[in-house]
Amino acid sequence: MPHTATRPLPRIAVCGIHIESSTFTPYVSTAADFDVRRGDAVLERHPFLTPGSSLREAARWLGVLHAGALPGGPLAHEDYAAWRREILEGLRALVREEPLDGLWFDIHGAMSVIGLDDAEGDLITAIREVIGPDVLVGTSMDLHGNVSPVLFEGCDQLTCYRTAPHVDVAETRERAVRNLLDAFSDVPVDAVAPKPRKALVHVPILLPGEMTSTRVEPAASLYARIPELAGRDGVTDVSYWIGFAWADEPRCQAAVCAYGPEADAVEAAALELVTDIWEARHEFAFVAPTGTFEECLDAAIASQERPFWISDSGDNPGAGGADDTTACLATLAARPEIRAGEVEALLVSIVDPETVDHARGLGVGGSGAVHVGGRIDERTPGPVPLQIEVEALDDSPATGHAAVLRVLDGTRDARPSGLRLVVTSRRSQFSTAAMFARLGLSMTGPDVVVVKMGYLEPDQHAAAAAWMMALTPGGVDQDLVRLGHRRISRPMLPFDAEIPAPTSADVLR
């Protein structure tokens, strides 16, 4: 019988740098903030690529380098350059062995690097110079990323999360991998996978995630449209990027991208969603009631609902805030009801390695004087002097060393006040019940919980009997006009009163 040649499994490299960077925060992100993986450890980030899984067995996966971090400030150029160089060297070595068929570009999409305007665009352009134009490149991103023309040109398949808070991270990454693999099905031996048709439309709207949460309208309905659009004949996927509001770069704005085998269907799906977004452009509103921190605290103390959560939204480390502004801490410590212990309040958390080290020296049960926070972002009162007692200590990869401090009331007897705060040696975000529990804390125990967040993550949202978002200053200030963008494209909502309606002339192909 004649032998029929079979196509070998596609050879797919995996690499990326994943961070969301505020250019308005004084914090500079460095390699020390990142979890860096190489080789097979890159694949181990993803449960769907564990050895023996169907997706792992469907290709020859080649991990190169992946670096991921909590959102922060712009990445130091020397650290980016080192990882960029290592990724390119790794890809050159793979290509010398045997040509690549595909590459999964696993990124966030809102990385800023000191000295660059489009870090992901720079990286994918350099990667293309190594792997060539025929390799199929798929990317998965956060919906708060930015899709520049350069990034769009360098990638063949682009997709992003469809929920905020992001409960579909793994689902999105798996979708990107499945779509990449599907492109190799039925491809003849010695042929390259066909490139999809794609369309990108920018929408000149730049809004914080707290005004575009999929928990509320209009984002809920806009994102709910995507499965139907992506399921149409000739369309493989449709994605809607909110864009990243806290970077002052020309690429920062909303975008819709679609791809699939049929150009007309792809373009029609993208324009349909863009038109829906444009028609809803004045309907976006905050996901929770808002006010100054003082107004939120007044409401919390007066409320019968417990616990009452308040987001210190301007210093949210999950969007790039420094995690050490002290306006909320100073107000809590001075509040008479809290000083007297009539109201129990918890603030989580402030990054302050110096205070953590002092607390570790005192030990659990020890007491002393500290100056907390305000060493990175100086827009607020600066370090707050406090008398404290150490109630708990911990150490974890997420927080580094951490301490629970009970603030004393400042009287001669140094009685405990109603205020506790958590200080950490690493910037961190207490988004899960497990993080609270490690320190012996409860999400539902205090009367008032102040957390450096924007919108609440699922565990937090479930714990809060009531919630307000304080419009506080910081590197991720919700008042974008107050922040002072200078380099974004204009016109742009909310900086301008109106933007033009989208047309087919706006489509990049």
Protein backbone atom coordinates (compact mmCIF):
# COMPACT_ATOMS: atom_id res chain seq x y z
CA MET A 1 0.00 0.00 0.00
CA PRO A 2 1.27 3.54 -0.74
CA HIS A 3 2.49 5.49 2.24
CA THR A 4 0.56 8.70 2.97
CA ALA A 5 2.64 11.40 4.59
CA THR A 6 1.18 12.88 7.74
CA ARG A 7 1.83 16.37 9.01
CA PRO A 8 3.91 16.45 12.21
CA LEU A 9 2.44 18.16 15.23
CA PRO A 10 2.80 21.94 14.98
CA ARG A 11 5.81 23.40 16.73
CA ILE A 12 4.61 26.33 18.88
CA ALA A 13 6.74 28.64 21.03
CA VAL A 14 5.35 30.47 24.08
CA CYS A 15 6.69 33.75 25.46
CA GLY A 16 5.57 37.10 26.84
CA ILE A 17 5.87 39.80 29.49
CA HIS A 18 2.71 40.48 31.48
CA ILE A 19 2.25 43.68 33.50
CA GLU A 20 -0.17 46.62 33.59
CA SER A 21 1.74 49.88 34.08
CA SER A 22 0.52 53.26 35.25
CA THR A 23 2.66 56.09 33.92
CA PHE A 24 1.19 58.37 36.61
CA THR A 25 2.60 56.47 39.58
CA PRO A 26 6.09 57.25 40.92
CA TYR A 27 6.74 53.52 41.41
CA VAL A 28 9.17 51.94 38.94
CA SER A 29 8.67 48.23 38.33
CA THR A 30 11.81 46.09 38.17
CA ALA A 31 12.72 42.44 37.70
CA ALA A 32 12.32 41.96 41.46
CA ASP A 33 8.54 42.44 41.07
CA PHE A 34 8.17 39.61 38.54
CA ASP A 35 7.70 35.87 38.55
CA VAL A 36 9.99 34.76 35.71
CA ARG A 37 9.66 31.33 34.13
CA ARG A 38 11.68 29.58 31.46
CA GLY A 39 11.34 26.37 29.46
CA ASP A 40 8.65 23.93 30.56
CA ALA A 41 7.90 26.14 33.58
CA VAL A 42 6.31 28.61 31.13
CA LEU A 43 3.77 25.94 30.18
CA GLU A 44 3.10 24.97 33.79
CA ARG A 45 1.34 28.32 34.36
CA HIS A 46 -1.65 26.91 32.49
CA PRO A 47 -3.70 23.92 33.72
CA PHE A 48 -4.85 23.19 30.16
CA LEU A 49 -1.21 22.61 29.12
CA THR A 50 -0.29 20.12 31.82
CA PRO A 51 1.45 16.97 30.54
CA GLY A 52 -1.07 14.49 29.19
CA SER A 53 -3.80 17.08 28.55
CA SER A 54 -5.38 17.06 25.10
CA LEU A 55 -4.08 20.53 24.24
CA ARG A 56 -0.56 19.70 25.43
CA GLU A 57 -0.56 16.59 23.24
CA ALA A 58 -1.85 18.49 20.18
CA ALA A 59 1.40 20.37 19.55
CA ARG A 60 5.09 20.47 20.34
CA TRP A 61 5.06 23.28 22.89
CA LEU A 62 8.29 25.17 23.49
CA GLY A 63 8.43 27.51 26.48
CA VAL A 64 10.91 30.36 26.04
CA LEU A 65 10.40 32.99 28.76
CA HIS A 66 7.44 34.48 30.54
CA ALA A 67 7.64 37.26 33.14
CA GLY A 68 4.51 38.31 35.05
CA ALA A 69 3.89 40.81 37.83
CA LEU A 70 1.21 42.63 39.79
CA PRO A 71 0.38 45.92 38.04
CA GLY A 72 2.80 48.69 38.85
CA GLY A 73 4.71 51.56 37.36
CA PRO A 74 6.66 51.58 34.10
CA LEU A 75 9.17 48.75 33.78
CA ALA A 76 12.83 49.68 34.04
CA HIS A 77 14.24 49.70 30.51
CA GLU A 78 17.28 47.60 31.38
CA ASP A 79 15.11 44.78 32.75
CA TYR A 80 12.84 44.85 29.71
CA ALA A 81 15.86 44.88 27.40
CA ALA A 82 17.36 41.85 29.15
CA TRP A 83 14.16 39.81 28.83
CA ARG A 84 13.64 40.97 25.23
CA ARG A 85 17.16 39.84 24.40
CA GLU A 86 16.65 36.48 26.11
CA ILE A 87 13.36 35.87 24.28
CA LEU A 88 14.93 36.66 20.92
CA GLU A 89 17.97 34.48 21.63
CA GLY A 90 15.71 31.62 22.70
CA LEU A 91 13.61 31.92 19.55
CA ARG A 92 16.72 32.04 17.34
CA ALA A 93 17.90 28.80 18.92
CA LEU A 94 14.54 27.14 18.28
CA VAL A 95 14.43 28.32 14.68
CA ARG A 96 17.95 26.99 14.05
CA GLU A 97 16.79 23.55 15.21
CA GLU A 98 13.64 23.47 13.09
CA PRO A 99 11.20 26.08 11.75
CA LEU A 100 8.39 27.18 14.06
CA ASP A 101 4.77 26.82 12.99
CA GLY A 102 3.22 29.04 15.64
CA LEU A 103 3.84 31.33 18.59
CA TRP A 104 1.57 32.15 21.52
CA PHE A 105 2.30 35.71 22.67
CA ASP A 106 1.06 35.63 26.28
CA ILE A 107 0.85 39.28 27.38
CA HIS A 108 -1.25 41.80 29.30
CA GLY A 109 -1.23 44.57 26.71
CA ALA A 110 -0.73 47.62 28.96
CA MET A 111 2.96 47.27 29.74
CA SER A 112 4.83 50.55 29.76
CA VAL A 113 8.61 50.58 29.56
CA ILE A 114 10.68 53.64 30.34
CA GLY A 115 11.70 55.15 27.02
CA LEU A 116 9.11 53.31 24.87
CA ASP A 117 5.59 54.28 23.76
CA ASP A 118 4.45 50.80 22.66
CA ALA A 119 6.32 48.10 24.54
CA GLU A 120 4.30 45.13 23.27
CA GLY A 121 4.54 46.49 19.73
CA ASP A 122 8.30 46.77 20.11
CA LEU A 123 8.56 43.20 21.39
CA ILE A 124 6.37 41.56 18.73
CA THR A 125 8.19 43.48 15.97
CA ALA A 126 11.52 42.13 17.21
CA ILE A 127 10.05 38.62 17.49
CA ARG A 128 8.77 38.77 13.91
CA GLU A 129 12.27 39.65 12.71
CA VAL A 130 13.46 36.35 14.20
CA ILE A 131 10.60 33.97 13.37
CA GLY A 132 9.60 35.45 10.01
CA PRO A 133 6.24 36.45 8.52
CA ASP A 134 4.77 32.97 7.96
CA VAL A 135 4.66 31.79 11.58
CA LEU A 136 1.12 32.03 12.96
CA VAL A 137 1.07 34.28 16.04
CA GLY A 138 -1.83 34.25 18.48
CA THR A 139 -2.08 36.50 21.51
CA SER A 140 -4.28 36.60 24.60
CA MET A 141 -4.63 39.84 26.52
CA ASP A 142 -6.37 41.65 29.35
CA LEU A 143 -9.33 43.73 28.15
CA HIS A 144 -7.58 46.69 29.81
CA GLY A 145 -4.75 46.36 27.31
CA ASN A 146 -4.08 48.52 24.26
CA VAL A 147 -4.04 47.31 20.66
CA SER A 148 -1.71 49.53 18.68
CA PRO A 149 -1.47 49.26 14.89
CA VAL A 150 2.01 47.78 15.35
CA LEU A 151 0.78 45.07 17.73
CA PHE A 152 -2.16 44.35 15.41
CA GLU A 153 0.20 44.01 12.45
CA GLY A 154 2.50 41.63 14.31
CA CYS A 155 -0.21 39.24 15.52
CA ASP A 156 -2.56 37.08 13.44
CA GLN A 157 -5.11 36.11 16.10
CA LEU A 158 -5.94 38.51 18.94
CA THR A 159 -8.34 37.87 21.81
CA CYS A 160 -8.96 39.29 25.31
CA TYR A 161 -10.97 38.73 28.48
CA ARG A 162 -14.73 39.25 28.34
CA THR A 163 -15.35 39.92 32.04
CA ALA A 164 -14.36 42.60 34.56
CA PRO A 165 -13.64 41.55 37.26
CA HIS A 166 -11.66 39.01 35.24
CA VAL A 167 -13.18 35.63 36.02
CA ASP A 168 -12.41 34.28 32.53
CA VAL A 169 -8.61 34.57 32.49
CA ALA A 170 -7.95 30.84 32.03
CA GLU A 171 -10.86 30.56 29.61
CA THR A 172 -9.45 33.36 27.44
CA ARG A 173 -5.98 31.86 27.33
CA GLU A 174 -7.37 28.46 26.49
CA ARG A 175 -9.49 30.02 23.72
CA ALA A 176 -6.37 31.60 22.26
CA VAL A 177 -4.56 28.26 22.31
CA ARG A 178 -7.47 26.33 20.80
CA ASN A 179 -7.90 28.86 17.99
CA LEU A 180 -4.18 28.69 17.28
CA LEU A 181 -4.28 24.89 17.11
CA ASP A 182 -7.43 24.87 14.98
CA ALA A 183 -5.60 26.86 12.32
CA PHE A 184 -3.30 23.88 11.74
CA SER A 185 -6.07 21.35 11.18
CA ASP A 186 -6.34 20.08 7.58
CA VAL A 187 -3.17 21.94 6.54
CA PRO A 188 -1.26 19.85 3.97
CA VAL A 189 2.20 18.49 4.74
CA ASP A 190 4.93 21.10 4.14
CA ALA A 191 2.36 23.94 3.93
CA VAL A 192 2.08 26.84 6.34
CA ALA A 193 -1.17 27.52 8.18
CA PRO A 194 -3.30 30.11 6.36
CA LYS A 195 -3.45 33.57 7.91
CA PRO A 196 -6.91 34.74 8.99
CA ARG A 197 -8.51 37.92 7.75
CA LYS A 198 -8.65 40.49 10.53
CA ALA A 199 -10.06 43.92 11.30
CA LEU A 200 -9.21 46.48 13.98
CA VAL A 201 -11.26 49.55 14.81
CA HIS A 202 -10.15 52.04 17.45
CA VAL A 203 -12.85 53.81 19.46
CA PRO A 204 -11.70 57.15 20.95
CA ILE A 205 -12.99 56.41 24.43
CA LEU A 206 -10.67 56.05 27.44
CA LEU A 207 -12.42 55.05 30.65
CA PRO A 208 -11.31 53.40 33.90
CA GLY A 209 -12.30 49.81 34.51
CA GLU A 210 -14.54 50.99 37.34
CA MET A 211 -16.82 52.62 34.73
CA THR A 212 -16.75 49.64 32.37
CA SER A 213 -17.32 46.65 34.63
CA THR A 214 -19.28 43.82 33.06
CA ARG A 215 -21.32 43.64 36.28
CA VAL A 216 -23.25 46.68 35.11
CA GLU A 217 -24.56 48.31 31.95
CA PRO A 218 -23.68 49.16 29.30
CA ALA A 219 -20.57 46.94 29.38
CA ALA A 220 -22.62 43.91 30.47
CA SER A 221 -24.71 44.00 27.30
CA LEU A 222 -21.83 44.96 25.03
CA TYR A 223 -19.73 42.00 26.11
CA ALA A 224 -22.78 39.73 26.05
CA ARG A 225 -22.97 40.38 22.30
CA ILE A 226 -19.54 38.93 21.60
CA PRO A 227 -20.36 35.18 21.56
CA GLU A 228 -23.05 35.73 18.92
CA LEU A 229 -20.76 37.89 16.77
CA ALA A 230 -17.89 35.44 17.11
CA GLY A 231 -20.20 32.56 16.19
CA ARG A 232 -21.16 33.93 12.81
CA ASP A 233 -20.10 32.24 9.60
CA GLY A 234 -16.70 33.47 8.52
CA VAL A 235 -15.77 34.82 12.00
CA THR A 236 -13.55 33.04 14.51
CA ASP A 237 -13.31 35.56 17.33
CA VAL A 238 -14.31 39.11 18.30
CA SER A 239 -12.80 41.08 21.18
CA TYR A 240 -13.42 44.43 22.83
CA TRP A 241 -10.55 46.16 24.63
CA ILE A 242 -11.49 48.93 27.05
CA GLY A 243 -7.93 50.21 26.83
CA PHE A 244 -5.76 51.34 29.74
CA ALA A 245 -6.74 54.68 31.20
CA TRP A 246 -3.73 55.29 33.47
CA ALA A 247 -1.02 55.49 30.86
CA ASP A 248 -0.37 58.61 28.82
CA GLU A 249 0.56 57.05 25.49
CA PRO A 250 -0.82 57.51 21.97
CA ARG A 251 -1.99 53.88 21.81
CA CYS A 252 -4.30 54.19 24.83
CA GLN A 253 -7.94 53.92 23.72
CA ALA A 254 -10.69 51.37 23.28
CA ALA A 255 -10.51 48.93 20.38
CA VAL A 256 -12.46 46.13 18.72
CA CYS A 257 -10.69 43.40 16.82
CA ALA A 258 -12.20 40.51 14.87
CA TYR A 259 -10.61 37.77 12.83
CA GLY A 260 -11.69 34.77 10.80
CA PRO A 261 -11.58 33.25 7.32
CA GLU A 262 -13.92 35.73 5.57
CA ALA A 263 -12.91 39.37 5.34
CA ASP A 264 -16.40 40.81 4.84
CA ALA A 265 -17.86 38.89 7.77
CA VAL A 266 -14.97 39.86 10.02
CA GLU A 267 -15.21 43.54 9.19
CA ALA A 268 -19.00 43.58 9.56
CA ALA A 269 -18.82 41.97 13.03
CA ALA A 270 -16.18 44.46 14.20
CA LEU A 271 -18.09 47.49 12.94
CA GLU A 272 -21.35 46.27 14.42
CA LEU A 273 -19.86 46.03 17.90
CA VAL A 274 -18.03 49.35 17.49
CA THR A 275 -21.30 51.06 16.53
CA ASP A 276 -22.98 49.62 19.65
CA ILE A 277 -20.13 50.96 21.80
CA TRP A 278 -20.35 54.37 20.17
CA GLU A 279 -24.11 54.55 20.72
CA ALA A 280 -23.58 53.73 24.42
CA ARG A 281 -20.65 56.15 24.82
CA HIS A 282 -22.42 58.47 27.27
CA GLU A 283 -23.99 55.68 29.36
CA PHE A 284 -20.88 54.47 31.19
CA ALA A 285 -20.99 55.14 34.94
CA PHE A 286 -19.16 53.99 38.06
CA VAL A 287 -19.87 50.46 39.22
CA ALA A 288 -20.59 51.63 42.79
CA PRO A 289 -21.69 54.79 44.64
CA THR A 290 -18.77 57.21 44.90
CA GLY A 291 -17.62 60.14 47.00
CA THR A 292 -14.58 61.57 48.73
CA PHE A 293 -13.08 59.26 51.33
CA GLU A 294 -14.55 61.37 54.10
CA GLU A 295 -18.02 61.10 52.53
CA CYS A 296 -17.65 57.35 52.16
CA LEU A 297 -16.49 56.95 55.75
CA ASP A 298 -19.40 59.08 57.02
CA ALA A 299 -21.80 56.80 55.12
CA ALA A 300 -20.09 53.67 56.40
CA ILE A 301 -20.22 54.69 60.07
CA ALA A 302 -23.84 55.81 59.78
CA SER A 303 -24.92 52.64 57.97
CA GLN A 304 -26.51 49.64 59.69
CA GLU A 305 -25.04 47.35 57.02
CA ARG A 306 -21.94 45.49 58.13
CA PRO A 307 -19.30 45.10 56.90
CA PHE A 308 -19.26 48.28 54.86
CA TRP A 309 -16.43 48.22 52.32
CA ILE A 310 -14.69 51.29 50.90
CA SER A 311 -12.33 51.18 47.91
CA ASP A 312 -9.31 53.48 48.06
CA SER A 313 -9.50 53.57 44.27
CA GLY A 314 -6.79 56.12 43.46
CA ASP A 315 -4.06 53.91 44.94
CA ASN A 316 -5.26 50.54 43.66
CA PRO A 317 -2.12 48.39 43.17
CA GLY A 318 -4.17 46.14 40.88
CA ALA A 319 -4.10 48.95 38.32
CA GLY A 320 -0.60 50.25 39.05
CA GLY A 321 -0.99 52.39 42.17
CA ALA A 322 1.99 52.75 44.49
CA ASP A 323 0.07 51.02 47.32
CA ASP A 324 1.33 53.43 49.96
CA THR A 325 -0.74 56.62 49.90
CA THR A 326 -1.86 57.57 53.39
CA ALA A 327 -4.83 59.91 53.12
CA CYS A 328 -7.25 57.13 54.09
CA LEU A 329 -5.05 55.89 56.93
CA ALA A 330 -4.70 59.38 58.42
CA THR A 331 -8.46 59.95 58.26
CA LEU A 332 -9.26 56.57 59.84
CA ALA A 333 -6.75 57.08 62.65
CA ALA A 334 -8.23 60.50 63.49
CA ARG A 335 -11.90 59.49 63.43
CA PRO A 336 -13.33 59.73 66.99
CA GLU A 337 -15.62 56.69 66.71
CA ILE A 338 -12.68 54.54 65.59
CA ARG A 339 -10.22 55.99 68.12
CA ALA A 340 -12.72 55.18 70.89
CA GLY A 341 -13.19 51.61 69.63
CA GLU A 342 -16.89 52.14 68.93
CA VAL A 343 -16.31 51.24 65.27
CA GLU A 344 -13.94 48.46 64.19
CA ALA A 345 -12.11 49.34 60.98
CA LEU A 346 -9.55 47.43 58.93
CA LEU A 347 -7.27 48.90 56.25
CA VAL A 348 -5.60 46.46 53.83
CA SER A 349 -2.89 47.04 52.86
CA ILE A 350 0.04 49.47 52.69
CA VAL A 351 3.44 48.51 51.35
CA ASP A 352 6.06 49.59 53.88
CA PRO A 353 9.08 47.30 54.31
CA GLU A 354 10.56 49.54 57.00
CA THR A 355 7.47 49.30 59.22
CA VAL A 356 7.18 45.56 58.58
CA ASP A 357 10.79 45.03 59.65
CA HIS A 358 10.15 47.06 62.82
CA ALA A 359 7.06 44.98 63.58
CA ARG A 360 9.00 41.77 63.10
CA GLY A 361 11.56 43.07 65.54
CA LEU A 362 8.87 43.83 68.11
CA GLY A 363 7.24 40.42 67.63
CA VAL A 364 3.61 39.47 68.18
CA GLY A 365 2.33 41.30 71.25
CA GLY A 366 5.06 43.92 71.05
CA SER A 367 4.23 47.61 70.80
CA GLY A 368 5.99 50.75 69.67
CA ALA A 369 5.98 53.84 67.49
CA VAL A 370 6.02 53.70 63.69
CA HIS A 371 5.60 55.99 60.70
CA VAL A 372 3.52 54.21 58.09
CA GLY A 373 3.39 54.65 54.30
CA GLY A 374 3.83 57.70 52.13
CA ARG A 375 7.37 56.92 51.06
CA ILE A 376 6.67 56.21 47.37
CA ASP A 377 3.70 58.37 46.37
CA GLU A 378 3.96 61.77 48.02
CA ARG A 379 0.61 63.15 46.83
CA THR A 380 -0.90 62.48 50.26
CA PRO A 381 0.13 63.40 53.82
CA GLY A 382 3.28 61.29 53.85
CA PRO A 383 4.20 58.81 56.61
CA VAL A 384 1.56 58.71 59.35
CA PRO A 385 2.90 58.51 62.95
CA LEU A 386 1.14 55.82 64.96
CA GLN A 387 1.45 53.91 68.21
CA ILE A 388 0.83 50.25 67.40
CA GLU A 389 0.72 46.76 68.81
CA VAL A 390 1.71 43.83 66.59
CA GLU A 391 -1.12 41.29 66.36
CA ALA A 392 0.09 38.90 63.65
CA LEU A 393 3.01 38.24 61.34
CA ASP A 394 3.22 36.27 58.10
CA ASP A 395 5.36 35.66 55.06
CA SER A 396 4.09 34.65 51.63
CA PRO A 397 5.13 35.08 47.98
CA ALA A 398 2.16 37.42 47.40
CA THR A 399 2.94 39.87 50.20
CA GLY A 400 6.48 39.18 51.31
CA HIS A 401 6.71 39.76 55.04
CA ALA A 402 3.41 41.09 56.39
CA ALA A 403 2.12 42.34 59.73
CA VAL A 404 -1.25 43.11 61.27
CA LEU A 405 -0.97 46.22 63.44
CA ARG A 406 -3.54 47.33 66.00
CA VAL A 407 -3.42 51.10 66.32
CA LEU A 408 -3.37 52.36 69.90
CA ASP A 409 -5.44 55.39 70.81
CA GLY A 410 -2.55 57.67 71.78
CA THR A 411 -3.64 58.16 75.39
CA ARG A 412 -1.30 57.65 78.31
CA ASP A 413 -2.79 54.18 78.86
CA ALA A 414 -2.23 53.32 75.14
CA ARG A 415 -5.56 51.57 74.84
CA PRO A 416 -6.35 49.71 71.59
CA SER A 417 -8.40 51.76 69.16
CA GLY A 418 -10.82 50.25 66.67
CA LEU A 419 -8.30 50.42 63.81
CA ARG A 420 -6.21 47.61 62.42
CA LEU A 421 -4.03 47.85 59.35
CA VAL A 422 -1.96 45.43 57.32
CA VAL A 423 1.51 46.41 56.16
CA THR A 424 3.53 44.36 53.67
CA SER A 425 7.04 44.34 52.27
CA ARG A 426 5.79 43.74 48.70
CA ARG A 427 3.06 45.62 46.87
CA SER A 428 0.05 43.35 47.10
CA GLN A 429 -3.70 43.19 46.84
CA PHE A 430 -5.85 41.40 49.41
CA SER A 431 -8.46 40.17 46.96
CA THR A 432 -9.22 36.71 48.34
CA ALA A 433 -10.56 35.35 51.63
CA ALA A 434 -7.49 33.12 51.85
CA MET A 435 -5.17 36.12 52.00
CA PHE A 436 -7.14 37.56 54.92
CA ALA A 437 -7.22 34.20 56.67
CA ARG A 438 -3.43 33.79 56.54
CA LEU A 439 -3.21 36.77 58.89
CA GLY A 440 -6.08 35.68 61.10
CA LEU A 441 -8.42 38.28 59.58
CA SER A 442 -11.98 37.97 58.38
CA MET A 443 -13.52 39.71 55.39
CA THR A 444 -16.78 40.04 57.31
CA GLY A 445 -15.62 40.72 60.88
CA PRO A 446 -14.92 44.48 60.94
CA ASP A 447 -17.57 47.16 60.72
CA VAL A 448 -15.63 48.98 58.00
CA VAL A 449 -13.09 47.51 55.58
CA VAL A 450 -10.95 49.90 53.54
CA VAL A 451 -9.12 48.20 50.71
CA LYS A 452 -6.80 49.55 48.03
CA MET A 453 -8.97 48.45 45.11
CA GLY A 454 -11.14 49.80 42.36
CA TYR A 455 -14.08 47.49 41.75
CA LEU A 456 -14.25 44.62 44.22
CA GLU A 457 -13.04 41.17 43.25
CA PRO A 458 -15.46 38.22 43.67
CA ASP A 459 -14.54 37.25 47.27
CA GLN A 460 -14.62 40.89 48.34
CA HIS A 461 -17.90 41.59 46.58
CA ALA A 462 -19.50 38.57 48.26
CA ALA A 463 -18.28 39.70 51.70
CA ALA A 464 -19.44 43.32 51.45
CA ALA A 465 -22.90 44.08 52.84
CA ALA A 466 -22.53 47.58 51.35
CA TRP A 467 -19.82 49.23 49.30
CA MET A 468 -18.70 52.65 48.12
CA MET A 469 -15.77 53.68 45.98
CA ALA A 470 -13.73 56.58 47.31
CA LEU A 471 -12.39 58.86 44.57
CA THR A 472 -8.99 59.28 46.15
CA PRO A 473 -5.79 60.73 44.69
CA GLY A 474 -2.98 58.52 43.45
CA GLY A 475 -1.39 57.00 40.40
CA VAL A 476 -4.68 55.48 39.23
CA ASP A 477 -6.96 58.40 40.06
CA GLN A 478 -10.46 57.79 38.68
CA ASP A 479 -10.66 61.47 37.69
CA LEU A 480 -8.74 61.13 34.44
CA VAL A 481 -9.00 64.79 33.54
CA ARG A 482 -7.41 65.67 36.89
CA LEU A 483 -4.50 63.32 36.17
CA GLY A 484 -3.41 65.36 33.17
CA HIS A 485 -3.03 63.22 30.05
CA ARG A 486 -1.02 65.07 27.40
CA ARG A 487 -0.11 62.52 24.72
CA ILE A 488 -3.29 60.58 23.95
CA SER A 489 -5.09 60.99 20.63
CA ARG A 490 -7.84 63.59 20.53
CA PRO A 491 -10.78 63.93 20.41
CA MET A 492 -11.28 61.35 23.16
CA LEU A 493 -14.03 60.82 25.71
CA PRO A 494 -14.10 61.93 28.54
CA PHE A 495 -11.54 64.63 27.68
CA ASP A 496 -13.72 65.98 24.87
CA ALA A 497 -17.49 66.37 24.77
CA GLU A 498 -18.00 64.29 21.64
CA ILE A 499 -16.31 61.91 19.21
CA PRO A 500 -17.15 61.11 15.58
CA ALA A 501 -19.28 58.13 14.61
CA PRO A 502 -17.27 55.13 13.34
CA THR A 503 -17.28 54.22 9.65
CA SER A 504 -15.65 51.59 7.46
CA ALA A 505 -12.89 54.12 6.77
CA ASP A 506 -11.74 53.59 10.38
CA VAL A 507 -11.03 49.87 9.88
CA LEU A 508 -7.43 48.64 9.86
CA ARG A 509 -7.09 45.37 7.97
